[in-house]
Amino acid sequence: SACQAGLGRWYYGDEISGLAQAFLSAGARTVIASLWQTADDYTAQFMAIFYAALRKEKSPVAALAYAQRQAHRAGVEAYYWAPFAAFGNP
């Protein structure tokens, strides 16, 4: 997990360039990254839920959606779980 890994810079005539794009260009099918800085303690809890779901689900996108729904249902403010986004192929 790296804070703001989903952010990048736009270069005219090109795609957005950033860490997520670098992983995709290197062959990763899907990258889960945050769009803004997150709290380390909560991110550790969130990622534990995400990885537990990933072991059961067929795709990283489904596992991310599950972890975000769990956080929402538990009353966690969106600020803590909403920055995580999937890039690439589901």
Protein backbone atom coordinates (compact mmCIF):
# COMPACT_ATOMS: atom_id res chain seq x y z
CA SER A 1 0.00 0.00 0.00
CA ALA A 2 1.37 3.38 -0.98
CA CYS A 3 -0.45 6.64 -0.38
CA GLN A 4 -1.66 8.44 -3.46
CA ALA A 5 -0.26 5.73 -5.75
CA GLY A 6 -3.27 6.17 -8.01
CA LEU A 7 -2.43 9.77 -8.78
CA GLY A 8 -0.38 10.74 -11.76
CA ARG A 9 0.50 13.58 -14.06
CA TRP A 10 -1.18 14.25 -17.35
CA TYR A 11 1.10 14.71 -20.31
CA TYR A 12 -0.53 16.21 -23.40
CA GLY A 13 -0.84 13.66 -26.15
CA ASP A 14 -0.14 10.85 -23.72
CA GLU A 15 -1.78 8.94 -20.89
CA ILE A 16 -1.69 9.77 -17.22
CA SER A 17 1.71 8.76 -15.89
CA GLY A 18 2.06 7.53 -12.31
CA LEU A 19 2.82 4.52 -10.16
CA ALA A 20 -0.39 2.68 -11.07
CA GLN A 21 0.26 3.23 -14.77
CA ALA A 22 3.85 2.03 -14.34
CA PHE A 23 2.64 -1.27 -12.84
CA LEU A 24 0.08 -1.68 -15.63
CA SER A 25 2.73 -0.96 -18.26
CA ALA A 26 4.96 -3.57 -16.63
CA GLY A 27 2.26 -6.20 -17.07
CA ALA A 28 0.04 -6.04 -14.00
CA ARG A 29 -3.58 -6.75 -14.93
CA THR A 30 -5.11 -4.75 -12.08
CA VAL A 31 -3.68 -2.22 -9.63
CA ILE A 32 -5.45 -1.17 -6.43
CA ALA A 33 -4.20 2.27 -5.41
CA SER A 34 -5.25 5.19 -3.24
CA LEU A 35 -6.20 8.56 -4.64
CA TRP A 36 -5.24 10.50 -1.52
CA GLN A 37 -3.15 10.04 1.59
CA THR A 38 -4.72 7.63 4.05
CA ALA A 39 -4.27 6.83 7.74
CA ASP A 40 -1.81 3.96 8.18
CA ASP A 41 -3.69 2.33 11.06
CA TYR A 42 -6.99 2.22 9.21
CA THR A 43 -5.38 1.23 5.91
CA ALA A 44 -3.84 -1.81 7.61
CA GLN A 45 -7.30 -2.89 8.82
CA PHE A 46 -8.88 -2.18 5.43
CA MET A 47 -6.19 -4.13 3.57
CA ALA A 48 -6.63 -7.10 5.92
CA ILE A 49 -10.31 -7.21 4.91
CA PHE A 50 -9.38 -6.71 1.25
CA TYR A 51 -6.82 -9.55 1.21
CA ALA A 52 -9.16 -11.90 3.09
CA ALA A 53 -11.80 -11.19 0.44
CA LEU A 54 -9.24 -11.55 -2.35
CA ARG A 55 -8.51 -15.10 -1.21
CA LYS A 56 -12.24 -15.88 -1.65
CA GLU A 57 -13.23 -13.67 -4.59
CA LYS A 58 -12.30 -14.19 -8.23
CA SER A 59 -11.03 -10.66 -8.87
CA PRO A 60 -9.27 -7.79 -7.08
CA VAL A 61 -12.13 -5.48 -8.09
CA ALA A 62 -14.71 -7.71 -6.36
CA ALA A 63 -12.52 -7.91 -3.26
CA LEU A 64 -12.13 -4.12 -3.21
CA ALA A 65 -15.89 -3.62 -3.56
CA TYR A 66 -16.47 -6.08 -0.71
CA ALA A 67 -13.99 -4.32 1.60
CA GLN A 68 -15.52 -0.93 0.81
CA ARG A 69 -19.05 -2.22 1.48
CA GLN A 70 -17.93 -3.70 4.79
CA ALA A 71 -16.36 -0.40 5.84
CA HIS A 72 -19.46 1.54 4.79
CA ARG A 73 -21.78 -0.83 6.68
CA ALA A 74 -19.56 -0.55 9.77
CA GLY A 75 -20.04 3.22 9.72
CA VAL A 76 -16.48 4.10 8.76
CA GLU A 77 -16.30 7.55 7.18
CA ALA A 78 -15.87 7.44 3.40
CA TYR A 79 -12.68 9.50 3.73
CA TYR A 80 -10.92 6.34 4.95
CA TRP A 81 -12.20 3.74 2.45
CA ALA A 82 -13.20 5.73 -0.64
CA PRO A 83 -9.69 6.65 -1.88
CA PHE A 84 -8.99 3.07 -2.95
CA ALA A 85 -9.64 2.53 -6.65
CA ALA A 86 -8.97 -0.19 -9.20
CA PHE A 87 -7.02 0.55 -12.38
CA GLY A 88 -6.67 -1.78 -15.35
CA ASN A 89 -8.76 -4.84 -16.14
CA PRO A 90 -11.28 -6.13 -13.61
